[in-house]
N, C-alpha and C. Protein backbone atom coordinates (compact mmCIF):
# COMPACT_ATOMS: atom_id res chain seq x y z
N UNK A 1 3.80 23.11 -27.44
CA UNK A 1 3.12 23.29 -28.59
C UNK A 1 2.48 25.08 -28.76
N UNK A 2 3.16 26.07 -29.83
CA UNK A 2 3.30 27.39 -29.96
C UNK A 2 1.57 27.20 -30.86
N UNK A 3 1.04 28.59 -30.50
CA UNK A 3 -0.18 28.97 -30.95
C UNK A 3 -0.37 30.93 -31.24
N UNK A 4 -0.27 30.21 -32.60
CA UNK A 4 -0.01 31.94 -32.89
C UNK A 4 -1.72 32.28 -33.18
N UNK A 5 -1.69 33.68 -31.87
CA UNK A 5 -3.23 34.27 -32.20
C UNK A 5 -3.75 35.63 -32.46
N UNK A 6 -5.16 36.07 -32.35
CA UNK A 6 -5.05 37.71 -33.67
C UNK A 6 -4.60 37.10 -34.78
N UNK A 7 -5.22 36.77 -34.64
CA UNK A 7 -4.83 36.89 -36.65
C UNK A 7 -6.06 36.40 -37.22
N UNK A 8 -5.69 37.93 -37.56
CA UNK A 8 -7.98 38.35 -38.71
C UNK A 8 -8.39 37.48 -39.59
N UNK A 9 -9.96 37.47 -40.24
CA UNK A 9 -10.05 37.06 -41.01
C UNK A 9 -11.59 37.29 -41.37
N UNK A 10 -11.49 37.01 -42.33
CA UNK A 10 -12.62 37.27 -43.37
C UNK A 10 -13.49 35.79 -44.34
N UNK A 11 -14.30 36.58 -44.05
CA UNK A 11 -14.77 35.02 -45.49
C UNK A 11 -16.43 35.10 -45.83
N UNK A 12 -17.12 34.92 -46.50
CA UNK A 12 -18.83 34.98 -47.54
C UNK A 12 -19.43 33.06 -45.84
N UNK A 13 -19.99 33.73 -45.65
CA UNK A 13 -20.81 32.57 -44.67
C UNK A 13 -21.72 31.43 -45.52
N UNK A 14 -21.54 30.86 -45.83
CA UNK A 14 -21.49 29.56 -46.97
C UNK A 14 -23.31 29.16 -46.18
N UNK A 15 -23.80 29.40 -45.42
CA UNK A 15 -25.32 29.36 -45.41
C UNK A 15 -26.41 30.34 -45.36
N UNK A 16 -25.42 31.98 -45.83
CA UNK A 16 -26.63 32.63 -46.03
C UNK A 16 -25.90 33.33 -47.00
N UNK A 17 -24.55 33.22 -47.22
CA UNK A 17 -23.89 34.26 -48.36
C UNK A 17 -23.34 35.90 -47.94
N UNK A 18 -22.53 35.95 -47.24
CA UNK A 18 -22.99 37.58 -45.70
C UNK A 18 -21.68 37.44 -45.26
N UNK A 19 -21.42 37.97 -45.62
CA UNK A 19 -20.03 37.64 -45.08
C UNK A 19 -20.22 38.12 -43.17
N UNK A 20 -18.69 36.98 -42.93
CA UNK A 20 -18.68 37.23 -41.45
C UNK A 20 -17.12 37.53 -41.31
N UNK A 21 -16.61 38.42 -39.78
CA UNK A 21 -14.59 38.55 -39.91
C UNK A 21 -14.21 38.22 -38.29
N UNK A 22 -13.68 38.16 -38.32
CA UNK A 22 -12.84 37.67 -36.38
C UNK A 22 -11.50 36.69 -36.56
N UNK A 23 -10.90 36.82 -35.59
CA UNK A 23 -9.44 35.96 -35.11
C UNK A 23 -9.95 34.70 -34.91
N UNK A 24 -8.14 34.45 -35.09
CA UNK A 24 -8.38 32.75 -34.72
C UNK A 24 -6.84 32.75 -34.52
N UNK A 25 -7.20 31.74 -33.74
CA UNK A 25 -5.72 31.34 -32.71
C UNK A 25 -5.61 29.69 -34.06
N UNK A 26 -3.71 29.11 -33.41
CA UNK A 26 -3.83 28.69 -34.33
C UNK A 26 -2.93 28.14 -34.25
N UNK A 27 -3.11 26.87 -34.44
CA UNK A 27 -1.69 25.67 -34.15
C UNK A 27 -0.94 24.82 -35.07
N UNK A 28 0.45 24.85 -35.49
CA UNK A 28 0.08 23.68 -36.25
C UNK A 28 1.52 23.27 -36.48
N UNK A 29 1.64 22.21 -35.05
CA UNK A 29 2.99 21.11 -35.36
C UNK A 29 2.84 20.18 -36.35
N UNK A 30 3.66 20.76 -38.22
CA UNK A 30 3.23 20.33 -38.83
C UNK A 30 3.98 19.13 -39.00
N UNK A 31 4.07 17.90 -39.65
CA UNK A 31 3.05 17.71 -40.65
C UNK A 31 1.87 16.46 -39.37
N UNK A 32 2.36 17.10 -38.43
CA UNK A 32 1.52 15.87 -37.60
C UNK A 32 0.31 16.54 -36.77
N UNK A 33 -0.16 17.42 -37.37
CA UNK A 33 -1.33 17.86 -36.72
C UNK A 33 -2.02 19.38 -37.16
N UNK A 34 -3.17 19.94 -36.65
CA UNK A 34 -4.04 20.90 -36.48
C UNK A 34 -5.14 21.75 -35.67
N UNK A 35 -4.88 22.71 -34.99
CA UNK A 35 -5.76 23.40 -35.02
C UNK A 35 -6.13 24.61 -34.67
N UNK A 36 -7.01 24.86 -35.25
CA UNK A 36 -7.53 25.64 -34.92
C UNK A 36 -9.42 26.72 -34.53
N UNK A 37 -9.02 27.99 -34.35
CA UNK A 37 -10.82 27.79 -33.15
C UNK A 37 -10.52 29.60 -33.82
N UNK A 38 -12.26 29.97 -34.87
CA UNK A 38 -12.41 30.60 -34.92
C UNK A 38 -13.89 31.29 -33.99
N UNK A 39 -13.18 32.69 -33.74
CA UNK A 39 -14.60 33.67 -33.16
C UNK A 39 -14.66 34.57 -33.64
N UNK A 40 -15.50 34.99 -34.65
CA UNK A 40 -15.99 35.79 -35.52
C UNK A 40 -16.65 35.77 -35.43
N UNK A 41 -18.03 37.73 -36.13
CA UNK A 41 -19.66 37.92 -35.69
C UNK A 41 -19.65 37.93 -37.86
N UNK A 42 -21.03 37.13 -37.18
CA UNK A 42 -21.02 36.99 -38.42
C UNK A 42 -22.98 38.03 -38.77
N UNK A 43 -22.35 38.51 -39.90
CA UNK A 43 -23.81 39.53 -40.49
C UNK A 43 -24.69 38.67 -40.71
N UNK A 44 -25.41 37.47 -40.39
CA UNK A 44 -26.73 36.93 -41.29
C UNK A 44 -27.44 36.85 -39.20
N UNK A 45 -25.83 36.81 -38.50
CA UNK A 45 -26.02 36.61 -37.23
C UNK A 45 -26.19 38.77 -36.39
N UNK A 46 -26.01 39.23 -36.62
CA UNK A 46 -26.37 41.09 -36.72
C UNK A 46 -27.38 41.54 -36.86
N UNK A 47 -27.03 41.04 -38.32
CA UNK A 47 -28.54 42.37 -38.77
C UNK A 47 -29.61 41.14 -38.82
N UNK A 48 -29.70 40.33 -38.58
CA UNK A 48 -31.26 39.62 -38.03
C UNK A 48 -31.43 38.44 -37.98
N UNK A 49 -31.96 37.75 -37.71
CA UNK A 49 -31.29 36.46 -36.31
C UNK A 49 -31.60 37.06 -34.87
N UNK A 50 -30.81 37.34 -34.44
CA UNK A 50 -31.05 37.40 -32.89
C UNK A 50 -29.90 39.22 -33.07
N UNK A 51 -30.02 39.83 -33.47
CA UNK A 51 -29.93 41.52 -34.05
C UNK A 51 -29.00 42.23 -32.86
N UNK A 52 -28.57 40.73 -32.07
CA UNK A 52 -27.27 41.69 -31.55
C UNK A 52 -26.18 41.91 -32.10
N UNK A 53 -25.93 43.73 -31.80
CA UNK A 53 -24.28 44.05 -32.60
C UNK A 53 -23.38 43.29 -31.65
N UNK A 54 -21.99 42.54 -32.27
CA UNK A 54 -21.08 41.67 -31.29
C UNK A 54 -21.46 40.51 -30.92
N UNK A 55 -22.32 39.78 -31.44
CA UNK A 55 -22.45 38.59 -31.19
C UNK A 55 -21.67 37.47 -31.79
N UNK A 56 -21.42 36.56 -31.70
CA UNK A 56 -19.87 36.33 -31.89
C UNK A 56 -20.40 34.04 -31.61
N UNK A 57 -19.28 34.06 -32.58
CA UNK A 57 -20.43 32.92 -33.17
C UNK A 57 -18.46 31.46 -32.74
N UNK A 58 -18.27 30.87 -31.53
CA UNK A 58 -17.16 29.94 -32.03
C UNK A 58 -17.18 28.42 -33.08
N UNK A 59 -16.41 28.16 -33.28
CA UNK A 59 -16.25 27.36 -34.02
C UNK A 59 -14.75 26.52 -33.96
N UNK A 60 -14.82 25.08 -33.57
CA UNK A 60 -12.83 24.78 -33.73
C UNK A 60 -13.19 23.45 -34.78
N UNK A 61 -12.10 23.48 -34.48
CA UNK A 61 -11.07 21.81 -35.68
C UNK A 61 -9.78 21.83 -35.37
N UNK A 62 -9.71 20.10 -35.08
CA UNK A 62 -8.60 19.85 -34.80
C UNK A 62 -8.63 18.34 -35.09
N UNK A 63 -7.01 18.64 -35.55
CA UNK A 63 -6.49 16.88 -36.11
C UNK A 63 -5.54 16.76 -36.29
N UNK A 64 -5.20 15.57 -36.20
CA UNK A 64 -3.87 14.20 -36.41
C UNK A 64 -3.56 14.52 -34.91
N UNK A 65 -2.08 14.58 -34.24
CA UNK A 65 -1.26 15.01 -32.98
C UNK A 65 -2.37 15.99 -32.13
N UNK A 66 -2.81 16.90 -32.84
CA UNK A 66 -4.66 18.14 -31.86
C UNK A 66 -5.91 17.73 -31.50
N UNK A 67 -5.60 16.82 -32.44
CA UNK A 67 -6.61 16.16 -32.66
C UNK A 67 -7.07 15.28 -31.13
N UNK A 68 -6.10 15.01 -31.26
CA UNK A 68 -5.40 13.29 -31.01
C UNK A 68 -5.77 12.50 -29.17
N UNK A 69 -5.17 12.45 -29.09
CA UNK A 69 -6.20 12.07 -27.19
C UNK A 69 -4.91 13.05 -26.11
N UNK A 70 -5.16 12.76 -25.37
CA UNK A 70 -4.84 13.77 -23.96
C UNK A 70 -3.39 14.09 -23.61
N UNK A 71 -2.36 15.32 -23.39
CA UNK A 71 -3.61 16.28 -22.68
C UNK A 71 -3.26 17.13 -23.98
N UNK A 72 -3.59 17.04 -25.51
CA UNK A 72 -3.58 17.74 -26.15
C UNK A 72 -4.35 19.03 -27.05
N UNK A 73 -5.74 18.03 -26.74
CA UNK A 73 -6.53 18.99 -26.92
C UNK A 73 -6.97 19.91 -26.09
N UNK A 74 -6.85 19.00 -25.30
CA UNK A 74 -6.86 20.85 -24.27
C UNK A 74 -6.18 20.95 -24.00
N UNK A 75 -5.27 20.82 -23.76
CA UNK A 75 -3.77 22.26 -23.94
C UNK A 75 -3.94 23.07 -24.29
N UNK A 76 -4.45 23.10 -25.64
CA UNK A 76 -4.60 23.84 -27.66
C UNK A 76 -5.13 24.16 -27.11
N UNK A 77 -7.07 24.35 -26.64
CA UNK A 77 -8.09 24.57 -25.48
C UNK A 77 -8.73 25.90 -25.56
N UNK A 78 -6.97 25.11 -24.37
CA UNK A 78 -6.84 26.27 -22.72
C UNK A 78 -5.67 27.41 -23.49
N UNK A 79 -4.91 27.06 -24.57
CA UNK A 79 -3.90 28.54 -25.37
C UNK A 79 -4.82 29.10 -25.46
N UNK A 80 -6.07 28.85 -25.99
CA UNK A 80 -6.91 29.74 -27.21
C UNK A 80 -7.15 30.19 -26.59
N UNK A 81 -7.93 30.19 -25.13
CA UNK A 81 -8.30 30.83 -24.24
C UNK A 81 -8.15 31.35 -23.12
N UNK A 82 -6.49 31.57 -23.06
CA UNK A 82 -6.47 32.12 -22.40
C UNK A 82 -5.68 33.49 -23.15
N UNK A 83 -5.58 34.70 -20.97
CA UNK A 83 -5.62 35.56 -22.07
C UNK A 83 -4.61 36.15 -22.21
N UNK A 84 -4.90 37.81 -22.85
CA UNK A 84 -3.79 38.21 -23.95
C UNK A 84 -3.35 39.33 -23.09
C-alpha cells in the first residue's frame, strides 16, 4: 500500500460555510479502493465554538479494498498516523 501524505487542502465547511484548511494523507490502490484522512482547522471552531486556535478536526473515509477486511483498514490508518 502506498500512502501520500502532507497534501495541503482547503475548502468550505458545509455546515457553517466558513473556510477550513489542513492536510490529507491518501491512498488509492485504484481501481480497487481508496482511503483518505483529513486533519483540518475549521474557522467555525477556531473563531467560535471551542474558540481555540489550532483546534483540529479529523475525518476519514475508506472504500473498496481499503475499507474491506483486515488488515487493510488497520494498515492504512496506522500509516496515516506514522511520524513524518
